[in-house]
Amino acid sequence: MAQAKPRKTRPKPAAAAARPMPLAHVRAFLEALAAAYPNPRSELEYATPFQLLVAVVLSAQTTDAAVNKATRALFARAPDARAMAALGAEGIAPYIRSIGLWQAKARNVAELSRLLVERHGGEVPADRAALEALPGVGRKTANVVLNVAFGQPEMAVDTHIFRLGNRTGLAPGKTPRAVEEELVKRLPREHLRDAHHWLILHGRYVCKARTPECWRCPAARWCRYRNKTPPPATAKPKPRRRPAADPAV
């Protein structure tokens, strides 16, 4: 007996990219986020570009809170590239065992520190090619460092920005690079640097992956997401019970 062919399943509406947001609405969307997040900044803790670079490398597949907990002691022990290189992978590892992929990350941090000393005198270069030549540093990490540490209008697309770009229609794209290119093309240049933080914070706390909290989104009127989440139902008070009748005497 021939087996039935498996039915093709369509992607859920939440996973599908929305229609592109009209350019006339993009500025209004961003200005609404700007009002909601007036002092945007990275939630990673750092004091220098080197510490930011290390923190971003460690943050892959790990929360910022977990990275901050690990780097407080690590940066106290090795605050710069020379001290970190001297510590080496074996010396770095005990400080970061609590975060994901700690073994590979310890090797990368030790080696990138050594290369910074060898190639750049211990300083973090404000150059994409030089940054991406370091172990553990990809395009997203380089963009974060260039944006946050050096004030360059670069757009680092993490999981939150990738989701938000597609869901809202702000910058639909099938890959992080495609979303990045659309954001750079569609966003006003003067907003690019801060937009990196606005979008991350909004994706982290409001436009969440599983259940976006659309009812409290300041930019919902311009968002192209069709299946907006309604506000949670207000719990209805339970009906009061009538007092039992007095028993017959």
Protein backbone atom coordinates (compact mmCIF):
# COMPACT_ATOMS: atom_id res chain seq x y z
CA MET A 1 0.00 0.00 0.00
CA ALA A 2 1.46 3.36 -1.00
CA GLN A 3 2.20 5.70 1.84
CA ALA A 4 0.48 9.04 1.85
CA LYS A 5 2.69 11.97 1.02
CA PRO A 6 3.44 14.19 4.00
CA ARG A 7 1.37 17.34 4.00
CA LYS A 8 3.24 20.56 3.44
CA THR A 9 2.98 22.86 6.41
CA ARG A 10 2.98 26.58 5.98
CA PRO A 11 5.04 28.70 8.36
CA LYS A 12 3.10 30.22 11.23
CA PRO A 13 2.18 33.86 10.72
CA ALA A 14 4.43 34.88 13.62
CA ALA A 15 7.46 33.41 11.84
CA ALA A 16 6.69 34.93 8.45
CA ALA A 17 8.10 38.30 7.48
CA ALA A 18 5.63 41.15 7.40
CA ARG A 19 5.23 43.45 4.43
CA PRO A 20 7.87 46.19 4.42
CA MET A 21 6.92 49.19 6.50
CA PRO A 22 6.45 52.31 4.37
CA LEU A 23 9.45 54.60 4.61
CA ALA A 24 7.14 57.39 5.75
CA HIS A 25 6.38 55.34 8.87
CA VAL A 26 9.94 54.28 9.69
CA ARG A 27 10.89 57.59 11.30
CA ALA A 28 7.70 57.67 13.38
CA PHE A 29 8.33 54.08 14.49
CA LEU A 30 11.87 54.95 15.62
CA GLU A 31 10.82 58.16 17.33
CA ALA A 32 8.28 56.20 19.36
CA LEU A 33 11.04 53.83 20.49
CA ALA A 34 13.33 56.78 21.21
CA ALA A 35 10.74 58.20 23.58
CA ALA A 36 10.34 54.82 25.27
CA TYR A 37 14.11 54.28 25.66
CA PRO A 38 15.54 57.80 26.14
CA ASN A 39 19.00 56.76 27.34
CA PRO A 40 19.90 53.74 25.19
CA ARG A 41 23.10 51.89 26.03
CA SER A 42 24.51 48.40 26.11
CA GLU A 43 23.53 46.30 29.12
CA LEU A 44 27.00 44.73 29.15
CA GLU A 45 29.31 46.09 31.84
CA TYR A 46 32.67 47.42 30.63
CA ALA A 47 35.11 50.27 31.23
CA THR A 48 37.20 50.23 28.03
CA PRO A 49 36.84 49.18 24.39
CA PHE A 50 38.89 46.06 25.21
CA GLN A 51 36.51 45.04 27.98
CA LEU A 52 33.54 45.67 25.69
CA LEU A 53 35.10 43.49 23.00
CA VAL A 54 35.69 40.64 25.45
CA ALA A 55 32.18 40.96 26.89
CA VAL A 56 30.57 40.82 23.44
CA VAL A 57 32.63 37.76 22.48
CA LEU A 58 31.53 36.07 25.71
CA SER A 59 27.87 37.03 25.16
CA ALA A 60 27.30 34.65 22.23
CA GLN A 61 24.40 32.33 23.16
CA THR A 62 24.50 33.75 26.69
CA THR A 63 22.57 36.49 28.45
CA ASP A 64 24.15 39.84 29.24
CA ALA A 65 23.38 39.28 32.92
CA ALA A 66 25.36 36.02 32.94
CA VAL A 67 28.29 37.69 31.15
CA ASN A 68 28.33 40.60 33.61
CA LYS A 69 28.41 38.22 36.54
CA ALA A 70 31.47 36.48 35.07
CA THR A 71 33.38 39.53 33.84
CA ARG A 72 33.29 41.49 37.09
CA ALA A 73 35.88 39.19 38.61
CA LEU A 74 37.65 38.55 35.29
CA PHE A 75 38.21 42.24 34.53
CA ALA A 76 39.35 42.88 38.08
CA ARG A 77 42.05 40.26 37.52
CA ALA A 78 42.86 41.17 33.89
CA PRO A 79 41.61 44.64 32.93
CA ASP A 80 43.55 45.00 29.66
CA ALA A 81 44.84 42.99 26.73
CA ARG A 82 48.32 42.45 28.16
CA ALA A 83 47.02 41.13 31.46
CA MET A 84 44.43 38.94 29.71
CA ALA A 85 47.04 37.49 27.34
CA ALA A 86 49.30 36.74 30.30
CA LEU A 87 46.41 34.98 32.03
CA GLY A 88 45.97 32.64 29.07
CA ALA A 89 43.08 30.31 28.30
CA GLU A 90 43.69 28.17 31.40
CA GLY A 91 43.66 31.23 33.61
CA ILE A 92 40.57 32.72 31.97
CA ALA A 93 38.51 29.52 32.08
CA PRO A 94 37.73 29.46 35.83
CA TYR A 95 36.14 32.91 35.61
CA ILE A 96 33.74 32.03 32.78
CA ARG A 97 32.69 28.44 33.51
CA SER A 98 29.18 29.66 34.30
CA ILE A 99 28.50 30.80 30.72
CA GLY A 100 27.84 28.76 27.60
CA LEU A 101 30.69 27.51 25.39
CA TRP A 102 33.21 28.65 28.01
CA GLN A 103 36.07 26.46 26.80
CA ALA A 104 36.10 27.83 23.24
CA LYS A 105 35.49 31.34 24.51
CA ALA A 106 38.45 31.13 26.91
CA ARG A 107 40.72 30.17 24.01
CA ASN A 108 39.35 32.95 21.81
CA VAL A 109 39.71 35.64 24.47
CA ALA A 110 43.26 34.59 25.25
CA GLU A 111 44.27 34.55 21.59
CA LEU A 112 42.54 37.79 20.61
CA SER A 113 44.24 39.47 23.57
CA ARG A 114 47.62 38.18 22.41
CA LEU A 115 46.99 39.41 18.87
CA LEU A 116 45.86 42.83 20.09
CA VAL A 117 49.17 43.20 21.93
CA GLU A 118 51.17 41.87 18.99
CA ARG A 119 49.42 43.77 16.18
CA HIS A 120 47.87 46.85 17.81
CA GLY A 121 49.90 47.62 20.92
CA GLY A 122 47.15 46.28 23.15
CA GLU A 123 44.50 48.67 21.79
CA VAL A 124 41.24 47.72 20.08
CA PRO A 125 41.27 48.94 16.45
CA ALA A 126 38.36 51.01 15.18
CA ASP A 127 38.46 49.08 11.92
CA ARG A 128 36.12 46.30 10.79
CA ALA A 129 38.70 44.21 8.92
CA ALA A 130 41.14 44.32 11.83
CA LEU A 131 38.42 43.36 14.29
CA GLU A 132 37.10 40.49 12.20
CA ALA A 133 40.66 39.14 11.90
CA LEU A 134 40.56 38.38 15.63
CA PRO A 135 39.40 34.92 16.81
CA GLY A 136 35.82 34.81 17.99
CA VAL A 137 34.98 38.14 16.34
CA GLY A 138 32.43 38.05 13.52
CA ARG A 139 30.51 40.77 11.78
CA LYS A 140 27.95 41.21 14.56
CA THR A 141 30.60 41.53 17.28
CA ALA A 142 32.61 43.97 15.16
CA ASN A 143 29.49 46.07 14.57
CA VAL A 144 28.72 46.23 18.29
CA VAL A 145 32.25 47.40 19.11
CA LEU A 146 32.32 49.94 16.27
CA ASN A 147 28.91 51.29 17.31
CA VAL A 148 29.25 51.34 21.10
CA ALA A 149 32.95 51.97 21.62
CA PHE A 150 33.71 54.20 18.63
CA GLY A 151 30.38 55.84 17.84
CA GLN A 152 30.16 54.57 14.29
CA PRO A 153 26.65 54.19 12.75
CA GLU A 154 26.85 50.40 12.41
CA MET A 155 23.92 48.03 12.91
CA ALA A 156 24.65 44.76 14.69
CA VAL A 157 21.81 42.32 14.03
CA ASP A 158 21.30 39.91 16.90
CA THR A 159 18.38 37.54 17.36
CA HIS A 160 16.16 40.33 18.74
CA ILE A 161 16.79 42.75 15.87
CA PHE A 162 16.45 39.98 13.26
CA ARG A 163 13.06 39.02 14.69
CA LEU A 164 11.86 42.61 15.05
CA GLY A 165 13.00 43.63 11.57
CA ASN A 166 10.93 40.83 10.04
CA ARG A 167 7.93 40.89 12.36
CA THR A 168 7.29 44.62 12.21
CA GLY A 169 8.19 45.08 8.55
CA LEU A 170 10.88 47.57 9.51
CA ALA A 171 13.52 45.64 7.54
CA PRO A 172 12.44 42.19 6.33
CA GLY A 173 15.22 39.79 5.35
CA LYS A 174 15.98 36.08 5.28
CA THR A 175 19.42 36.42 6.91
CA PRO A 176 20.93 38.71 9.56
CA ARG A 177 23.10 40.31 6.88
CA ALA A 178 20.04 41.03 4.73
CA VAL A 179 18.24 42.62 7.68
CA GLU A 180 21.35 44.66 8.48
CA GLU A 181 21.56 45.98 4.93
CA GLU A 182 17.88 46.87 4.88
CA LEU A 183 18.15 48.70 8.22
CA VAL A 184 21.16 50.70 7.05
CA LYS A 185 19.30 51.56 3.85
CA ARG A 186 15.91 52.37 5.37
CA LEU A 187 16.74 54.03 8.72
CA PRO A 188 17.66 57.71 8.89
CA ARG A 189 21.44 57.84 9.26
CA GLU A 190 21.29 60.08 12.31
CA HIS A 191 19.29 57.38 14.12
CA LEU A 192 21.45 54.39 13.17
CA ARG A 193 23.70 54.38 16.23
CA ASP A 194 20.93 54.67 18.82
CA ALA A 195 18.54 52.47 16.81
CA HIS A 196 20.84 49.53 17.52
CA HIS A 197 20.01 49.87 21.22
CA TRP A 198 16.37 50.85 20.78
CA LEU A 199 15.66 47.73 18.76
CA ILE A 200 17.56 45.37 21.05
CA LEU A 201 15.84 46.70 24.17
CA HIS A 202 12.43 46.63 22.49
CA GLY A 203 12.94 43.07 21.26
CA ARG A 204 14.20 41.95 24.65
CA TYR A 205 11.45 43.44 26.80
CA VAL A 206 8.36 44.08 24.63
CA CYS A 207 8.51 42.51 21.15
CA LYS A 208 9.41 39.13 22.63
CA ALA A 209 9.95 35.97 20.65
CA ARG A 210 7.06 33.81 21.79
CA THR A 211 4.45 36.34 22.85
CA PRO A 212 5.03 39.94 21.84
CA GLU A 213 3.40 42.35 24.26
CA CYS A 214 1.78 44.40 21.53
CA TRP A 215 -0.71 46.06 23.86
CA ARG A 216 2.10 48.04 25.49
CA CYS A 217 4.20 48.72 22.38
CA PRO A 218 4.64 52.47 21.82
CA ALA A 219 5.11 51.89 18.07
CA ALA A 220 2.26 49.42 17.48
CA ARG A 221 0.31 51.76 15.19
CA TRP A 222 3.10 51.61 12.57
CA CYS A 223 3.95 47.91 13.00
CA ARG A 224 2.93 45.61 10.11
CA TYR A 225 2.58 42.49 12.29
CA ARG A 226 -0.92 41.16 11.67
CA ASN A 227 -1.51 38.92 14.66
CA LYS A 228 -1.00 41.53 17.37
CA THR A 229 -1.29 40.12 20.87
CA PRO A 230 -4.29 41.53 22.76
CA PRO A 231 -3.91 42.65 26.37
CA PRO A 232 -4.30 39.88 28.94
CA ALA A 233 -7.88 39.41 30.03
CA THR A 234 -8.70 41.08 33.30
CA ALA A 235 -9.62 38.50 35.88
CA LYS A 236 -13.32 38.71 36.66
CA PRO A 237 -14.18 38.81 40.35
CA LYS A 238 -15.73 35.63 41.61
CA PRO A 239 -19.46 35.95 42.40
CA ARG A 240 -20.13 36.27 46.08
CA ARG A 241 -21.97 33.37 47.56
CA ARG A 242 -25.25 34.06 49.23
CA PRO A 243 -25.35 33.19 52.92
CA ALA A 244 -27.02 29.86 53.56
CA ALA A 245 -30.62 30.09 54.73
CA ASP A 246 -31.25 29.54 58.39
CA PRO A 247 -32.19 25.92 59.04
CA ALA A 248 -35.82 25.34 59.75
CA VAL A 249 -36.57 25.10 63.44
